[in-house]
N, C-alpha and C. Protein backbone atom coordinates (compact mmCIF):
# COMPACT_ATOMS: atom_id res chain seq x y z
N MET A 1 22.55 42.51 -52.96
CA MET A 1 22.57 41.34 -52.27
C MET A 1 21.89 40.32 -52.71
N PRO A 2 22.15 39.01 -53.18
CA PRO A 2 21.16 38.34 -53.81
C PRO A 2 19.90 37.46 -52.80
N ALA A 3 18.88 37.51 -53.45
CA ALA A 3 17.75 36.75 -52.63
C ALA A 3 18.22 35.53 -52.16
N ALA A 4 17.59 35.30 -51.01
CA ALA A 4 18.05 33.97 -50.02
C ALA A 4 17.01 32.87 -51.13
N VAL A 5 17.54 31.59 -51.13
CA VAL A 5 16.93 30.37 -51.86
C VAL A 5 15.84 30.06 -51.03
N LYS A 6 14.78 29.91 -51.45
CA LYS A 6 13.46 29.17 -50.63
C LYS A 6 13.77 27.82 -50.19
N LYS A 7 13.76 27.46 -49.09
CA LYS A 7 13.80 25.86 -48.81
C LYS A 7 12.37 25.47 -48.96
N LEU A 8 12.85 23.98 -48.96
CA LEU A 8 11.53 23.00 -49.13
C LEU A 8 10.89 22.94 -47.64
N PRO A 9 9.70 22.56 -47.58
CA PRO A 9 9.24 22.29 -46.38
C PRO A 9 9.84 21.09 -45.84
N ALA A 10 9.63 20.86 -44.43
CA ALA A 10 10.44 19.85 -43.87
C ALA A 10 9.47 18.37 -44.05
N ARG A 11 8.23 18.37 -44.53
CA ARG A 11 7.43 17.27 -44.67
C ARG A 11 8.02 16.38 -46.16
N THR A 12 8.73 17.20 -46.70
CA THR A 12 9.37 16.68 -47.90
C THR A 12 10.83 15.62 -47.75
N MET A 13 11.20 16.07 -46.65
CA MET A 13 12.65 14.96 -46.05
C MET A 13 12.21 13.64 -46.24
N HIS A 14 10.91 13.02 -46.00
CA HIS A 14 10.88 11.64 -46.19
C HIS A 14 11.06 11.08 -47.60
N PHE A 15 10.92 12.14 -48.56
CA PHE A 15 11.05 11.93 -49.93
C PHE A 15 12.41 12.13 -50.21
N ALA A 16 12.85 13.33 -50.19
CA ALA A 16 14.13 13.96 -50.55
C ALA A 16 15.60 12.94 -50.15
N LEU A 17 15.48 12.80 -48.69
CA LEU A 17 16.38 11.92 -48.11
C LEU A 17 16.98 10.45 -49.27
N PRO A 18 15.92 9.85 -49.14
CA PRO A 18 16.09 8.49 -50.12
C PRO A 18 16.37 8.82 -51.45
N LEU A 19 15.83 9.84 -52.10
CA LEU A 19 16.00 10.03 -53.51
C LEU A 19 17.78 10.52 -53.50
N ALA A 20 18.10 11.59 -52.79
CA ALA A 20 19.36 12.12 -52.84
C ALA A 20 20.25 10.83 -52.69
N LEU A 21 20.07 9.95 -51.31
CA LEU A 21 21.07 9.12 -51.06
C LEU A 21 21.27 7.91 -52.18
N THR A 22 20.02 7.56 -52.73
CA THR A 22 20.15 6.27 -53.63
C THR A 22 20.50 7.08 -55.16
N PHE A 23 20.31 8.28 -55.60
CA PHE A 23 20.90 8.87 -56.43
C PHE A 23 22.34 9.06 -56.60
N VAL A 24 22.95 9.44 -55.33
CA VAL A 24 24.54 9.46 -55.31
C VAL A 24 25.11 8.04 -55.20
N MET A 25 24.40 7.12 -54.11
CA MET A 25 25.22 5.92 -54.13
C MET A 25 24.81 4.96 -55.40
N THR A 26 23.95 5.14 -55.97
CA THR A 26 23.87 3.95 -57.14
C THR A 26 24.45 4.43 -58.25
N PHE A 27 24.87 5.79 -58.32
CA PHE A 27 25.75 6.35 -59.52
C PHE A 27 27.17 5.83 -58.93
N LEU A 28 27.82 5.98 -58.09
CA LEU A 28 29.00 5.62 -57.60
C LEU A 28 29.20 4.31 -57.95
N VAL A 29 28.24 3.43 -57.05
CA VAL A 29 28.56 1.88 -57.05
C VAL A 29 28.55 1.23 -58.79
N SER A 30 27.69 1.97 -59.31
CA SER A 30 27.27 1.38 -60.64
C SER A 30 28.53 1.85 -61.48
N GLY A 31 29.09 2.98 -61.19
CA GLY A 31 30.32 3.18 -61.94
C GLY A 31 31.70 2.45 -61.44
N VAL A 32 31.93 2.21 -60.25
CA VAL A 32 33.07 1.30 -60.05
C VAL A 32 32.50 -0.04 -60.53
N ALA A 33 31.33 -0.83 -60.50
CA ALA A 33 31.25 -1.79 -61.10
C ALA A 33 31.37 -1.92 -62.53
N THR A 34 31.05 -0.99 -63.09
CA THR A 34 31.01 -0.93 -64.54
C THR A 34 32.51 -0.71 -65.06
N ILE A 35 33.34 0.00 -64.30
CA ILE A 35 34.81 0.11 -64.70
C ILE A 35 35.43 -1.43 -64.50
N ARG A 36 35.10 -1.97 -63.35
CA ARG A 36 35.48 -3.18 -62.99
C ARG A 36 35.25 -4.10 -64.04
N ALA A 37 34.17 -4.19 -64.43
CA ALA A 37 33.70 -5.03 -65.51
C ALA A 37 34.29 -5.08 -66.97
N ILE A 38 34.20 -3.73 -67.59
CA ILE A 38 34.61 -3.41 -68.89
C ILE A 38 35.73 -2.84 -69.05
N GLY A 39 36.32 -2.02 -67.78
CA GLY A 39 37.36 -1.05 -67.71
C GLY A 39 37.04 0.33 -68.59
N PHE A 40 38.22 0.83 -68.80
CA PHE A 40 37.85 2.20 -69.65
C PHE A 40 37.73 2.01 -71.18
N ALA A 41 36.67 1.41 -71.32
CA ALA A 41 36.24 0.96 -72.88
C ALA A 41 35.75 2.38 -73.47
N ASP A 42 35.63 2.47 -74.78
CA ASP A 42 34.98 3.53 -75.21
C ASP A 42 33.54 3.81 -75.01
N ASP A 43 33.11 2.62 -74.87
CA ASP A 43 31.50 2.91 -74.54
C ASP A 43 31.20 2.90 -73.06
N MET A 44 32.23 2.86 -72.20
CA MET A 44 32.17 2.87 -70.88
C MET A 44 31.35 3.74 -70.33
N TRP A 45 31.31 4.93 -70.42
CA TRP A 45 30.32 6.18 -70.06
C TRP A 45 28.75 5.61 -70.32
N SER A 46 28.22 5.34 -71.56
CA SER A 46 27.02 5.08 -72.06
C SER A 46 26.58 3.61 -71.16
N ARG A 47 27.45 2.75 -70.98
CA ARG A 47 26.95 1.75 -70.32
C ARG A 47 27.04 1.85 -68.61
N TRP A 48 27.74 2.78 -68.31
CA TRP A 48 27.74 3.28 -66.82
C TRP A 48 26.60 3.76 -66.71
N ILE A 49 26.10 4.83 -67.27
CA ILE A 49 24.73 5.46 -67.17
C ILE A 49 23.41 4.61 -67.32
N GLU A 50 23.59 3.51 -68.21
CA GLU A 50 22.55 2.45 -68.27
C GLU A 50 22.31 1.86 -67.25
N SER A 51 23.45 1.35 -66.83
CA SER A 51 23.54 0.68 -65.48
C SER A 51 23.06 1.37 -64.43
N TRP A 52 23.49 2.65 -64.17
CA TRP A 52 23.08 3.25 -63.06
C TRP A 52 21.44 3.86 -63.00
N LEU A 53 20.93 4.01 -64.15
CA LEU A 53 19.62 4.22 -64.31
C LEU A 53 18.96 3.01 -63.73
N ALA A 54 19.04 1.76 -64.33
CA ALA A 54 18.32 0.71 -63.99
C ALA A 54 18.55 0.14 -62.33
N THR A 55 19.62 0.56 -61.77
CA THR A 55 19.68 0.54 -60.50
C THR A 55 19.22 1.51 -59.68
N TRP A 56 19.15 2.85 -60.15
CA TRP A 56 18.34 3.90 -59.35
C TRP A 56 16.84 3.45 -59.30
N ILE A 57 16.39 3.27 -60.44
CA ILE A 57 15.01 2.84 -60.64
C ILE A 57 14.48 1.85 -59.61
N LEU A 58 15.19 0.80 -59.39
CA LEU A 58 15.00 -0.21 -58.44
C LEU A 58 15.41 0.24 -57.08
N ALA A 59 16.31 0.84 -56.72
CA ALA A 59 16.87 1.46 -55.42
C ALA A 59 15.95 2.36 -54.92
N PHE A 60 15.47 3.41 -55.60
CA PHE A 60 14.53 4.41 -54.90
C PHE A 60 13.51 3.75 -54.28
N PRO A 61 12.40 3.20 -55.04
CA PRO A 61 11.28 2.76 -54.10
C PRO A 61 11.65 1.89 -53.21
N ILE A 62 12.75 0.95 -53.11
CA ILE A 62 13.00 0.11 -52.00
C ILE A 62 13.48 0.82 -50.91
N MET A 63 14.18 1.88 -51.37
CA MET A 63 14.58 2.62 -49.84
C MET A 63 13.35 3.58 -49.31
N LEU A 64 12.63 4.11 -50.33
CA LEU A 64 11.29 4.62 -49.78
C LEU A 64 10.55 3.68 -48.63
N PHE A 65 10.58 2.44 -48.98
CA PHE A 65 9.87 1.42 -48.28
C PHE A 65 10.91 1.01 -47.02
N LEU A 66 11.86 0.92 -47.19
CA LEU A 66 12.84 0.39 -46.23
C LEU A 66 13.28 1.20 -45.26
N MET A 67 13.49 2.80 -45.33
CA MET A 67 13.83 3.48 -44.40
C MET A 67 12.88 3.55 -43.13
N PRO A 68 11.76 3.62 -42.93
CA PRO A 68 10.91 3.73 -42.22
C PRO A 68 10.90 2.31 -41.33
N VAL A 69 11.14 1.38 -42.20
CA VAL A 69 11.17 -0.12 -41.52
C VAL A 69 12.37 -0.31 -40.83
N MET A 70 13.49 0.12 -41.27
CA MET A 70 14.90 -0.17 -40.58
C MET A 70 14.81 0.85 -39.39
N ARG A 71 14.35 2.23 -39.66
CA ARG A 71 14.27 3.18 -38.68
C ARG A 71 13.60 2.44 -37.19
N ARG A 72 12.50 1.97 -37.45
CA ARG A 72 11.66 1.07 -36.18
C ARG A 72 12.48 0.03 -35.66
N LEU A 73 13.07 -0.63 -36.64
CA LEU A 73 14.01 -1.83 -36.03
C LEU A 73 14.98 -1.30 -34.99
N LEU A 74 15.73 -0.57 -35.84
CA LEU A 74 17.08 0.30 -34.89
C LEU A 74 16.50 1.00 -33.57
N LEU A 75 15.46 1.66 -33.74
CA LEU A 75 15.04 2.13 -32.57
C LEU A 75 14.84 0.89 -31.36
N ARG A 76 14.63 -0.27 -31.78
CA ARG A 76 14.62 -1.15 -30.65
C ARG A 76 15.96 -1.59 -29.92
N ILE A 77 17.05 -1.24 -30.62
CA ILE A 77 18.34 -1.54 -30.33
C ILE A 77 19.29 -0.28 -29.65
N ILE A 78 18.98 0.97 -30.50
CA ILE A 78 19.58 2.15 -29.94
C ILE A 78 18.84 2.88 -29.17
N GLU A 79 19.47 3.47 -28.11
CA GLU A 79 19.11 4.26 -27.28
C GLU A 79 19.35 5.62 -27.67
N LEU A 80 18.21 6.58 -27.97
CA LEU A 80 18.10 7.98 -28.18
C LEU A 80 18.53 8.86 -26.87
N LYS A 81 19.33 9.89 -26.90
CA LYS A 81 19.37 10.73 -25.80
C LYS A 81 19.11 12.25 -26.23
């Protein structure tokens, strides 16, 4: 039986969640935008990756900053039970 994979500690969630979310979202959105802009051109893949990296580099630190801010704002209008 294979050994269990060791999980990361809970304190890494504040970093791992925005990392994963921005990684996936910017990848998909930049892909759609690239295809809409240039279609399925020969250099589509390289242009998609360039676009994705540029957007992810911007989106990740913004998400790190905005997640706690948005959480505090939303807690003012959402009742937790």
